[in-house]
Amino acid sequence: MNALGRRDLLRASVLSGAGLFIAFHVPRKVARAAPEPAAKKAPPDPNAFVRVAPDGSTTILLAHSEMGQGI
């Protein structure tokens, strides 16, 4: 079995670090260089019980009608 010398350890460490750098940083830079045009999406509904129409009107949906407390 061969002993791992200092130079071999340093060389392996540098090559491993360079490989990790290329694997994680280069794809991000390539992705930033060519941005895709943003597609215009409709705004999401605030939640299942509130709807806001394009004209600004708001509709609130209730499963049970509010009848008051009898006061």
N, C-alpha and C. Protein backbone atom coordinates (compact mmCIF):
# COMPACT_ATOMS: atom_id res chain seq x y z
N MET A 1 0.85 -1.17 0.00
CA MET A 1 0.00 0.00 0.00
C MET A 1 0.89 1.23 0.00
N ASN A 2 0.61 2.16 -0.90
CA ASN A 2 1.42 3.37 -1.00
C ASN A 2 0.99 4.39 0.04
N ALA A 3 1.98 5.05 0.61
CA ALA A 3 1.69 6.12 1.56
C ALA A 3 1.35 7.38 0.78
N LEU A 4 0.42 8.13 1.27
CA LEU A 4 0.00 9.37 0.63
C LEU A 4 0.92 10.50 1.10
N GLY A 5 1.67 11.07 0.18
CA GLY A 5 2.59 12.14 0.54
C GLY A 5 1.89 13.48 0.62
N ARG A 6 2.61 14.49 1.12
CA ARG A 6 2.03 15.83 1.25
C ARG A 6 1.65 16.41 -0.10
N ARG A 7 2.51 16.24 -1.07
CA ARG A 7 2.22 16.78 -2.40
C ARG A 7 0.99 16.11 -3.02
N ASP A 8 0.90 14.81 -2.86
CA ASP A 8 -0.26 14.09 -3.40
C ASP A 8 -1.55 14.53 -2.70
N LEU A 9 -1.48 14.71 -1.39
CA LEU A 9 -2.64 15.17 -0.64
C LEU A 9 -3.05 16.58 -1.08
N LEU A 10 -2.07 17.46 -1.24
CA LEU A 10 -2.35 18.82 -1.68
C LEU A 10 -2.94 18.82 -3.10
N ARG A 11 -2.37 18.02 -3.98
CA ARG A 11 -2.86 17.95 -5.36
C ARG A 11 -4.31 17.42 -5.39
N ALA A 12 -4.57 16.38 -4.62
CA ALA A 12 -5.93 15.82 -4.58
C ALA A 12 -6.92 16.82 -3.99
N SER A 13 -6.49 17.57 -2.98
CA SER A 13 -7.37 18.57 -2.37
C SER A 13 -7.70 19.69 -3.35
N VAL A 14 -6.68 20.17 -4.07
CA VAL A 14 -6.90 21.25 -5.03
C VAL A 14 -7.80 20.78 -6.17
N LEU A 15 -7.58 19.58 -6.66
CA LEU A 15 -8.42 19.07 -7.74
C LEU A 15 -9.86 18.86 -7.28
N SER A 16 -10.03 18.39 -6.06
CA SER A 16 -11.39 18.21 -5.53
C SER A 16 -12.08 19.55 -5.36
N GLY A 17 -11.36 20.53 -4.83
CA GLY A 17 -11.94 21.87 -4.66
C GLY A 17 -12.30 22.50 -5.99
N ALA A 18 -11.43 22.34 -6.99
CA ALA A 18 -11.71 22.89 -8.32
C ALA A 18 -12.93 22.21 -8.94
N GLY A 19 -13.03 20.92 -8.75
CA GLY A 19 -14.19 20.19 -9.28
C GLY A 19 -15.49 20.65 -8.63
N LEU A 20 -15.47 20.86 -7.31
CA LEU A 20 -16.66 21.35 -6.63
C LEU A 20 -17.00 22.77 -7.07
N PHE A 21 -15.99 23.60 -7.25
CA PHE A 21 -16.22 24.98 -7.71
C PHE A 21 -16.90 24.98 -9.07
N ILE A 22 -16.37 24.19 -9.97
CA ILE A 22 -16.93 24.13 -11.32
C ILE A 22 -18.35 23.56 -11.29
N ALA A 23 -18.56 22.55 -10.48
CA ALA A 23 -19.87 21.91 -10.43
C ALA A 23 -20.96 22.83 -9.88
N PHE A 24 -20.62 23.68 -8.91
CA PHE A 24 -21.66 24.49 -8.26
C PHE A 24 -21.73 25.93 -8.75
N HIS A 25 -20.64 26.52 -9.21
CA HIS A 25 -20.65 27.93 -9.55
C HIS A 25 -20.79 28.21 -11.04
N VAL A 26 -20.24 27.40 -11.87
CA VAL A 26 -20.30 27.66 -13.31
C VAL A 26 -21.73 27.55 -13.84
N PRO A 27 -22.53 26.55 -13.47
CA PRO A 27 -23.90 26.50 -13.98
C PRO A 27 -24.73 27.73 -13.59
N ARG A 28 -24.50 28.30 -12.40
CA ARG A 28 -25.23 29.49 -11.99
C ARG A 28 -24.88 30.68 -12.87
N LYS A 29 -23.60 30.83 -13.20
CA LYS A 29 -23.19 31.95 -14.03
C LYS A 29 -23.75 31.80 -15.44
N VAL A 30 -23.80 30.60 -15.94
CA VAL A 30 -24.37 30.37 -17.27
C VAL A 30 -25.86 30.67 -17.25
N ALA A 31 -26.54 30.29 -16.19
CA ALA A 31 -27.98 30.55 -16.09
C ALA A 31 -28.25 32.05 -15.99
N ARG A 32 -27.39 32.80 -15.29
CA ARG A 32 -27.57 34.24 -15.18
C ARG A 32 -27.28 34.95 -16.49
N ALA A 33 -26.42 34.39 -17.31
CA ALA A 33 -26.02 35.05 -18.56
C ALA A 33 -27.16 35.07 -19.57
N ALA A 34 -28.02 34.08 -19.57
CA ALA A 34 -29.12 34.01 -20.54
C ALA A 34 -30.46 33.92 -19.81
N PRO A 35 -30.97 35.05 -19.29
CA PRO A 35 -32.25 34.98 -18.58
C PRO A 35 -33.41 34.76 -19.55
N GLU A 36 -34.36 34.00 -19.10
CA GLU A 36 -35.54 33.73 -19.91
C GLU A 36 -36.53 34.88 -19.72
N PRO A 37 -37.27 35.22 -20.75
CA PRO A 37 -38.26 36.29 -20.58
C PRO A 37 -39.35 35.85 -19.60
N ALA A 38 -39.72 36.76 -18.74
CA ALA A 38 -40.72 36.44 -17.73
C ALA A 38 -42.10 36.37 -18.37
N ALA A 39 -42.78 35.28 -18.13
CA ALA A 39 -44.14 35.11 -18.65
C ALA A 39 -45.11 35.84 -17.72
N LYS A 40 -46.06 36.53 -18.30
CA LYS A 40 -47.03 37.26 -17.50
C LYS A 40 -48.06 36.28 -16.97
N LYS A 41 -48.12 36.16 -15.67
CA LYS A 41 -49.04 35.24 -15.03
C LYS A 41 -50.12 36.04 -14.30
N ALA A 42 -51.27 35.43 -14.18
CA ALA A 42 -52.34 36.06 -13.41
C ALA A 42 -51.97 36.00 -11.93
N PRO A 43 -52.31 37.03 -11.16
CA PRO A 43 -51.99 36.99 -9.74
C PRO A 43 -52.79 35.88 -9.06
N PRO A 44 -52.19 35.21 -8.10
CA PRO A 44 -52.90 34.11 -7.43
C PRO A 44 -54.01 34.66 -6.54
N ASP A 45 -55.01 33.82 -6.30
CA ASP A 45 -56.07 34.20 -5.38
C ASP A 45 -55.47 34.30 -3.98
N PRO A 46 -55.88 35.31 -3.18
CA PRO A 46 -55.32 35.45 -1.84
C PRO A 46 -55.55 34.22 -0.98
N ASN A 47 -56.73 33.63 -1.03
CA ASN A 47 -56.96 32.33 -0.43
C ASN A 47 -58.27 31.78 -0.97
N ALA A 48 -58.70 30.65 -0.48
CA ALA A 48 -59.87 29.99 -1.06
C ALA A 48 -61.17 30.75 -0.78
N PHE A 49 -61.17 31.66 0.20
CA PHE A 49 -62.40 32.32 0.60
C PHE A 49 -62.46 33.79 0.19
N VAL A 50 -61.41 34.33 -0.40
CA VAL A 50 -61.39 35.72 -0.83
C VAL A 50 -60.99 35.76 -2.30
N ARG A 51 -61.79 36.45 -3.11
CA ARG A 51 -61.46 36.60 -4.53
C ARG A 51 -61.44 38.08 -4.87
N VAL A 52 -60.41 38.49 -5.57
CA VAL A 52 -60.30 39.88 -6.01
C VAL A 52 -60.36 39.88 -7.53
N ALA A 53 -61.34 40.56 -8.09
CA ALA A 53 -61.52 40.62 -9.55
C ALA A 53 -60.58 41.67 -10.14
N PRO A 54 -60.33 41.60 -11.46
CA PRO A 54 -59.45 42.59 -12.10
C PRO A 54 -59.95 44.03 -11.95
N ASP A 55 -61.27 44.22 -11.80
CA ASP A 55 -61.79 45.59 -11.63
C ASP A 55 -61.66 46.09 -10.20
N GLY A 56 -61.15 45.27 -9.29
CA GLY A 56 -60.92 45.68 -7.91
C GLY A 56 -62.00 45.25 -6.95
N SER A 57 -63.08 44.67 -7.44
CA SER A 57 -64.14 44.22 -6.54
C SER A 57 -63.70 42.97 -5.80
N THR A 58 -64.15 42.86 -4.56
CA THR A 58 -63.75 41.76 -3.70
C THR A 58 -64.97 40.93 -3.34
N THR A 59 -64.83 39.62 -3.39
CA THR A 59 -65.90 38.70 -3.02
C THR A 59 -65.39 37.81 -1.90
N ILE A 60 -66.18 37.72 -0.82
CA ILE A 60 -65.82 36.86 0.31
C ILE A 60 -66.81 35.70 0.33
N LEU A 61 -66.31 34.48 0.33
CA LEU A 61 -67.14 33.28 0.32
C LEU A 61 -67.18 32.69 1.73
N LEU A 62 -68.40 32.40 2.21
CA LEU A 62 -68.56 31.83 3.54
C LEU A 62 -69.35 30.53 3.42
N ALA A 63 -68.93 29.53 4.16
CA ALA A 63 -69.64 28.25 4.16
C ALA A 63 -70.92 28.34 5.00
N HIS A 64 -70.89 29.13 6.06
CA HIS A 64 -72.04 29.28 6.95
C HIS A 64 -72.43 30.75 6.99
N SER A 65 -73.71 31.01 6.89
CA SER A 65 -74.14 32.41 6.94
C SER A 65 -74.07 32.91 8.38
N GLU A 66 -73.73 34.17 8.52
CA GLU A 66 -73.64 34.79 9.85
C GLU A 66 -75.01 35.34 10.21
N MET A 67 -75.60 34.78 11.24
CA MET A 67 -76.95 35.18 11.63
C MET A 67 -76.94 36.07 12.87
N GLY A 68 -75.82 36.43 13.38
CA GLY A 68 -75.76 37.25 14.58
C GLY A 68 -75.81 36.39 15.83
N GLN A 69 -75.85 37.05 16.97
CA GLN A 69 -75.85 36.32 18.24
C GLN A 69 -77.17 36.43 18.97
N GLY A 70 -78.18 36.93 18.30
CA GLY A 70 -79.50 37.00 18.92
C GLY A 70 -79.64 38.17 19.87
N ILE A 71 -78.81 39.17 19.77
CA ILE A 71 -78.91 40.33 20.66
C ILE A 71 -79.82 41.35 20.04
